[in-house]
Amino acid sequence: MWRDTTLESQGLDSLRFSEVYREIDQRVPTLRTLLVVRHGYVVAERYYHGFTTDDLQIVASATKSFTSALIGIALRESLLSSIDLRLSEIFPEYFPSNIDSVKKTITIRHLLRMTSGFQWNEFFSSIFTQMQSAPDWIQFVVNQPLSSTPGSVFNYNSGGSHILSGIITKLARENESAFGQRYLFTPLGITEINWPTDPQGNNTGGWGLAMKPRDMAKFGYLYLKKGMWEGKQIIPHDYVLRSTSIQSLGGFPANTPYGLHWWVTPETGYSAFFASGYGGQFIYVVPDLDMIVVMTSDWNVPPPPPNPRYLIRQFIVPSVRR
């Protein structure tokens, strides 16, 4: 699908862009991939530490944006009537009559916005590991106490993203990987992924997906084109717009506003949105510049400050001349 061309032919200053490579060599030792697409052309592509274009790379929490896309497709396929459907309506088995009645008001929209209200400290406690050790991960998340009223406070929660995976499995009668192959990956020409599952066979809704960087760029391009691919509306147009516009104030770890499992920011001087994963995984979309930037990094170690996202703001976007 991708055609390769030069930076200059697509309006980027190659001399200015070369500063990106020097910066990576000097300050971003964990980077594995840098891939830039402009006007539908690959204008820059470099791999580090022995990785190549054919290697599957773990996108970490950028997985969440794929789960969001599949929720949108479930709406298109009428498996879901609305993202305001309550979890208790989908999973009555996890919401018995004696459960906190406020929990029964949690909706799919709350999960997508990261405002479910569950008490959850993903980065400074062992709760994520505890969930993965539980016999039923969805049950574990639902059993957590509430720390805020659903819909009121942003709190990053990969467990909530995993519930979304379970919703797709239950409604589609196949897990995210199979559903995604049918309605998302195959239409985009993505033929090879790896996606782990929980004990019930649900794919990890908020992390763990592995794919090739060029396929990550296809996903970004789908959103750049507002869900349209080769004349077919893969994801509903209005759902894409809602997903990539501010739905909550957001916060840690990207410290920017949040859409529906996409981060939303004007940090480049242009409206932009991005999927982000631990350690420096990015699918970064700048619609006004018709540009996509994909970065993958060693997810086993956090990158040293500053986060590699700064390369987009300080070097890549400023290299655009027209």
Protein backbone atom coordinates (compact mmCIF):
# COMPACT_ATOMS: atom_id res chain seq x y z
CA MET A 1 0.00 0.00 0.00
CA TRP A 2 2.75 2.42 0.97
CA ARG A 3 4.77 4.23 -1.67
CA ASP A 4 8.22 5.54 -0.78
CA THR A 5 9.48 8.94 -1.82
CA THR A 6 11.77 11.73 -0.63
CA LEU A 7 11.21 14.24 2.13
CA GLU A 8 11.63 17.18 -0.23
CA SER A 9 9.02 15.92 -2.71
CA GLN A 10 6.39 16.03 0.04
CA GLY A 11 7.32 19.43 1.39
CA LEU A 12 9.75 18.61 4.20
CA ASP A 13 13.16 20.21 4.61
CA SER A 14 15.60 17.29 4.52
CA LEU A 15 18.38 19.30 6.18
CA ARG A 16 16.15 20.29 9.07
CA PHE A 17 14.77 16.76 9.30
CA SER A 18 18.30 15.33 9.56
CA GLU A 19 18.42 16.90 13.04
CA VAL A 20 15.92 14.20 14.09
CA TYR A 21 18.44 11.47 13.35
CA ARG A 22 21.21 13.22 15.27
CA GLU A 23 18.88 13.70 18.20
CA ILE A 24 17.93 10.02 18.21
CA ASP A 25 21.57 8.96 18.15
CA GLN A 26 22.48 11.28 21.01
CA ARG A 27 19.41 11.26 23.29
CA VAL A 28 16.95 8.47 22.46
CA PRO A 29 18.84 5.17 22.75
CA THR A 30 15.66 3.11 23.26
CA LEU A 31 14.08 4.00 19.89
CA ARG A 32 13.52 1.07 17.53
CA THR A 33 11.52 2.65 14.69
CA LEU A 34 10.89 6.06 13.19
CA LEU A 35 8.41 6.12 10.31
CA VAL A 36 6.93 9.29 8.80
CA VAL A 37 4.10 9.37 6.25
CA ARG A 38 3.05 12.56 4.43
CA HIS A 39 0.36 12.87 1.76
CA GLY A 40 0.15 9.07 1.73
CA TYR A 41 3.88 8.56 1.05
CA VAL A 42 6.54 7.12 3.34
CA VAL A 43 9.10 9.92 3.44
CA ALA A 44 11.30 8.68 6.28
CA GLU A 45 11.85 5.22 7.73
CA ARG A 46 14.65 4.07 9.99
CA TYR A 47 15.07 1.04 12.24
CA TYR A 48 17.49 0.65 15.12
CA HIS A 49 19.01 -2.13 17.23
CA GLY A 50 18.63 -4.75 14.50
CA PHE A 51 14.88 -4.32 13.95
CA THR A 52 13.51 -4.30 10.41
CA THR A 53 10.30 -3.46 8.60
CA ASP A 54 9.20 -7.10 8.91
CA ASP A 55 9.41 -7.35 12.70
CA LEU A 56 6.28 -7.36 14.84
CA GLN A 57 6.68 -4.84 17.64
CA ILE A 58 4.62 -4.58 20.80
CA VAL A 59 2.64 -1.34 20.78
CA ALA A 60 1.83 -1.52 24.52
CA SER A 61 -1.03 0.83 25.45
CA ALA A 62 -1.45 2.04 21.88
CA THR A 63 -3.52 -1.17 21.81
CA LYS A 64 -6.28 0.87 23.46
CA SER A 65 -6.88 2.85 20.27
CA PHE A 66 -7.39 -0.38 18.33
CA THR A 67 -9.92 -1.52 20.93
CA SER A 68 -11.70 1.79 20.54
CA ALA A 69 -11.80 1.27 16.77
CA LEU A 70 -13.39 -2.14 17.25
CA ILE A 71 -16.03 -0.63 19.54
CA GLY A 72 -16.80 1.79 16.71
CA ILE A 73 -17.08 -1.10 14.27
CA ALA A 74 -19.39 -2.91 16.70
CA LEU A 75 -21.63 0.17 16.49
CA ARG A 76 -21.47 0.04 12.69
CA GLU A 77 -22.42 -3.64 12.72
CA SER A 78 -25.33 -2.95 15.15
CA LEU A 79 -23.80 -5.22 17.79
CA LEU A 80 -23.92 -2.14 20.02
CA SER A 81 -26.78 0.33 20.01
CA SER A 82 -24.86 3.03 21.89
CA ILE A 83 -21.71 3.62 23.90
CA ASP A 84 -24.01 4.78 26.68
CA LEU A 85 -25.00 1.17 27.30
CA ARG A 86 -24.32 0.19 30.91
CA LEU A 87 -21.85 -2.55 31.73
CA SER A 88 -24.42 -4.10 34.04
CA GLU A 89 -26.72 -4.59 31.05
CA ILE A 90 -24.01 -6.41 29.09
CA PHE A 91 -22.50 -8.37 31.97
CA PRO A 92 -25.28 -9.02 34.51
CA GLU A 93 -23.17 -11.91 35.79
CA TYR A 94 -20.59 -9.43 37.09
CA PHE A 95 -23.16 -7.10 38.65
CA PRO A 96 -25.23 -9.06 41.20
CA SER A 97 -28.10 -7.41 43.06
CA ASN A 98 -25.97 -6.73 46.15
CA ILE A 99 -23.24 -4.80 44.27
CA ASP A 100 -22.75 -1.06 44.78
CA SER A 101 -25.66 0.46 42.85
CA VAL A 102 -23.46 3.29 41.53
CA LYS A 103 -21.30 0.72 39.72
CA LYS A 104 -24.36 -0.25 37.75
CA THR A 105 -24.33 3.20 36.13
CA ILE A 106 -20.90 2.75 34.54
CA THR A 107 -21.14 2.85 30.75
CA ILE A 108 -18.96 2.01 27.76
CA ARG A 109 -18.47 5.76 27.27
CA HIS A 110 -17.04 6.04 30.78
CA LEU A 111 -14.50 3.30 30.00
CA LEU A 112 -13.52 4.90 26.69
CA ARG A 113 -13.02 8.29 28.37
CA MET A 114 -11.13 6.76 31.33
CA THR A 115 -13.74 8.14 33.73
CA SER A 116 -15.21 4.88 35.05
CA GLY A 117 -14.69 5.86 38.69
CA PHE A 118 -12.92 2.64 39.68
CA GLN A 119 -10.17 3.02 42.25
CA TRP A 120 -7.09 2.22 40.17
CA ASN A 121 -3.45 3.25 40.47
CA GLU A 122 -1.85 1.76 37.40
CA PHE A 123 1.67 3.14 37.71
CA PHE A 124 2.39 3.28 41.42
CA SER A 125 0.85 0.10 42.78
CA SER A 126 0.72 -3.62 41.95
CA ILE A 127 -2.91 -3.57 40.79
CA PHE A 128 -2.08 -4.30 37.16
CA THR A 129 -0.06 -7.37 38.18
CA GLN A 130 -2.82 -8.41 40.56
CA MET A 131 -5.34 -8.32 37.73
CA GLN A 132 -3.13 -10.50 35.55
CA SER A 133 -2.84 -13.03 38.38
CA ALA A 134 -6.61 -13.20 38.89
CA PRO A 135 -8.65 -16.10 37.44
CA ASP A 136 -11.09 -13.64 35.82
CA TRP A 137 -9.64 -10.24 34.91
CA ILE A 138 -12.97 -8.55 34.19
CA GLN A 139 -14.36 -9.71 37.51
CA PHE A 140 -11.24 -8.35 39.22
CA VAL A 141 -11.74 -4.87 37.72
CA VAL A 142 -15.46 -4.75 38.51
CA ASN A 143 -14.71 -5.77 42.10
CA GLN A 144 -12.54 -2.70 42.68
CA PRO A 145 -14.15 -0.02 44.85
CA LEU A 146 -15.18 3.30 43.38
CA SER A 147 -13.05 6.35 44.13
CA SER A 148 -15.18 8.84 42.19
CA THR A 149 -18.58 9.15 40.59
CA PRO A 150 -18.57 7.56 37.12
CA GLY A 151 -18.05 10.21 34.48
CA SER A 152 -16.48 12.80 36.76
CA VAL A 153 -12.72 12.15 37.03
CA PHE A 154 -10.10 10.98 34.50
CA ASN A 155 -8.07 8.06 35.84
CA TYR A 156 -5.97 5.96 33.48
CA ASN A 157 -7.15 2.36 33.76
CA SER A 158 -6.04 -0.46 31.48
CA GLY A 159 -8.40 -2.76 33.33
CA GLY A 160 -11.31 -0.73 32.00
CA SER A 161 -9.91 -1.14 28.49
CA HIS A 162 -9.85 -4.88 29.06
CA ILE A 163 -13.54 -4.81 29.94
CA LEU A 164 -14.12 -3.30 26.48
CA SER A 165 -12.38 -6.33 24.98
CA GLY A 166 -14.74 -8.58 26.92
CA ILE A 167 -17.71 -6.61 25.60
CA ILE A 168 -16.59 -7.21 22.02
CA THR A 169 -16.10 -10.92 22.72
CA LYS A 170 -19.53 -11.28 24.26
CA LEU A 171 -21.46 -9.33 21.63
CA ALA A 172 -19.54 -10.55 18.56
CA ARG A 173 -19.18 -14.12 19.87
CA GLU A 174 -15.53 -13.99 18.89
CA ASN A 175 -12.61 -12.23 20.52
CA GLU A 176 -11.06 -8.94 19.43
CA SER A 177 -8.40 -10.61 17.30
CA ALA A 178 -10.93 -12.58 15.26
CA PHE A 179 -13.41 -9.70 15.08
CA GLY A 180 -10.60 -7.35 14.12
CA GLN A 181 -9.32 -9.67 11.41
CA ARG A 182 -12.76 -9.71 9.85
CA TYR A 183 -13.63 -6.03 10.01
CA LEU A 184 -10.40 -4.05 10.51
CA PHE A 185 -7.11 -5.81 9.85
CA THR A 186 -8.00 -7.68 6.67
CA PRO A 187 -9.61 -4.64 5.01
CA LEU A 188 -6.42 -2.68 5.77
CA GLY A 189 -4.19 -5.43 4.39
CA ILE A 190 -2.75 -6.23 7.82
CA THR A 191 -1.97 -9.93 7.68
CA GLU A 192 0.19 -10.54 10.72
CA ILE A 193 -0.42 -9.58 14.33
CA ASN A 194 0.06 -11.11 17.75
CA TRP A 195 -2.41 -10.38 20.53
CA PRO A 196 -2.33 -12.22 23.90
CA THR A 197 -5.45 -13.26 25.79
CA ASP A 198 -6.74 -13.58 29.33
CA PRO A 199 -7.88 -16.90 30.89
CA GLN A 200 -11.33 -16.48 29.31
CA GLY A 201 -9.91 -15.95 25.81
CA ASN A 202 -10.45 -12.18 25.67
CA ASN A 203 -7.58 -10.36 23.97
CA THR A 204 -5.80 -7.84 26.17
CA GLY A 205 -7.89 -4.76 25.44
CA GLY A 206 -5.42 -2.19 26.70
CA TRP A 207 -1.96 -3.55 25.93
CA GLY A 208 0.01 -6.34 24.31
CA LEU A 209 -0.88 -6.07 20.62
CA ALA A 210 2.14 -6.57 18.34
CA MET A 211 2.31 -5.58 14.68
CA LYS A 212 4.62 -4.16 12.01
CA PRO A 213 5.32 -0.42 12.07
CA ARG A 214 4.02 0.05 8.52
CA ASP A 215 0.76 -1.54 9.64
CA MET A 216 0.63 0.84 12.60
CA ALA A 217 0.87 3.63 10.03
CA LYS A 218 -2.08 2.16 8.11
CA PHE A 219 -4.17 2.42 11.26
CA GLY A 220 -3.12 6.03 11.71
CA TYR A 221 -3.96 6.72 8.07
CA LEU A 222 -7.44 5.22 8.56
CA TYR A 223 -8.07 7.77 11.30
CA LEU A 224 -6.48 10.56 9.28
CA LYS A 225 -9.11 9.78 6.63
CA LYS A 226 -11.86 9.78 9.27
CA GLY A 227 -12.43 6.04 9.15
CA MET A 228 -12.53 5.71 5.37
CA TRP A 229 -10.37 3.15 3.55
CA GLU A 230 -10.38 2.69 -0.22
CA GLY A 231 -13.89 4.09 -0.53
CA LYS A 232 -15.37 2.11 2.36
CA GLN A 233 -16.30 3.53 5.76
CA ILE A 234 -14.53 1.08 8.08
CA ILE A 235 -15.21 3.02 11.30
CA PRO A 236 -18.24 5.33 11.53
CA HIS A 237 -17.27 8.91 10.64
CA ASP A 238 -18.93 10.47 13.67
CA TYR A 239 -17.31 7.94 16.00
CA VAL A 240 -13.86 8.80 14.64
CA LEU A 241 -14.54 12.51 15.18
CA ARG A 242 -15.67 11.92 18.77
CA SER A 243 -12.74 9.61 19.46
CA THR A 244 -10.18 12.17 18.34
CA SER A 245 -11.70 15.23 19.99
CA ILE A 246 -11.54 16.18 23.66
CA GLN A 247 -13.91 14.08 25.76
CA SER A 248 -12.23 14.54 29.13
CA LEU A 249 -9.47 16.69 30.58
CA GLY A 250 -7.09 13.74 30.55
CA GLY A 251 -3.91 13.75 32.59
CA PHE A 252 -1.19 11.27 33.48
CA PRO A 253 0.69 9.61 31.80
CA ALA A 254 0.57 11.69 28.57
CA ASN A 255 -0.53 14.84 30.44
CA THR A 256 -2.81 16.03 27.67
CA PRO A 257 -6.59 15.87 27.04
CA TYR A 258 -8.25 12.59 26.15
CA GLY A 259 -10.79 11.46 23.55
CA LEU A 260 -12.18 7.93 23.29
CA HIS A 261 -8.99 5.94 23.89
CA TRP A 262 -6.96 8.49 21.90
CA TRP A 263 -4.90 11.35 23.32
CA VAL A 264 -5.73 14.78 21.88
CA THR A 265 -3.31 17.72 21.82
CA PRO A 266 -2.34 20.96 20.06
CA GLU A 267 1.29 20.61 21.23
CA THR A 268 2.73 20.78 17.70
CA GLY A 269 0.91 24.04 16.99
CA TYR A 270 -1.66 22.03 15.04
CA SER A 271 -4.57 19.94 16.25
CA ALA A 272 -3.31 16.39 16.61
CA PHE A 273 -4.20 13.09 18.21
CA PHE A 274 -2.17 10.03 19.04
CA ALA A 275 -2.15 6.48 20.32
CA SER A 276 0.53 6.05 22.95
CA GLY A 277 2.17 3.07 24.60
CA TYR A 278 4.50 2.60 27.53
CA GLY A 279 8.17 3.11 26.76
CA GLY A 280 7.69 5.27 23.66
CA GLN A 281 5.23 3.67 21.22
CA PHE A 282 3.32 6.22 19.12
CA ILE A 283 0.89 6.50 16.25
CA TYR A 284 0.75 10.27 15.95
CA VAL A 285 -1.66 11.94 13.51
CA VAL A 286 -1.52 15.61 12.46
CA PRO A 287 -4.50 16.09 10.09
CA ASP A 288 -3.70 19.70 9.14
CA LEU A 289 -0.32 18.55 7.81
CA ASP A 290 -1.64 15.27 6.33
CA MET A 291 1.07 13.58 8.37
CA ILE A 292 1.48 10.43 10.44
CA VAL A 293 4.46 9.62 12.66
CA VAL A 294 5.04 6.11 14.00
CA MET A 295 7.62 5.43 16.67
CA THR A 296 8.37 2.21 18.50
CA SER A 297 10.79 1.80 21.37
CA ASP A 298 12.08 -0.74 23.84
CA TRP A 299 9.03 -1.22 26.04
CA ASN A 300 10.98 -3.15 28.68
CA VAL A 301 12.54 0.05 29.97
CA PRO A 302 11.04 3.52 30.13
CA PRO A 303 12.90 5.96 27.92
CA PRO A 304 15.18 8.42 29.69
CA PRO A 305 13.74 11.94 29.86
CA PRO A 306 12.62 13.51 27.64
CA ASN A 307 9.91 11.28 26.22
CA PRO A 308 10.60 10.60 22.48
CA ARG A 309 7.33 12.33 21.66
CA TYR A 310 9.30 15.59 21.77
CA LEU A 311 10.93 14.64 18.47
CA ILE A 312 7.62 15.29 16.72
CA ARG A 313 7.10 18.70 18.27
CA GLN A 314 10.66 19.99 18.11
CA PHE A 315 12.01 18.48 14.90
CA ILE A 316 9.60 16.63 12.65
CA VAL A 317 6.73 19.13 12.44
CA PRO A 318 9.09 22.16 12.17
CA SER A 319 10.73 20.49 9.16
CA VAL A 320 7.49 20.92 7.16
CA ARG A 321 7.89 23.78 4.69
CA ARG A 322 4.55 23.56 2.88
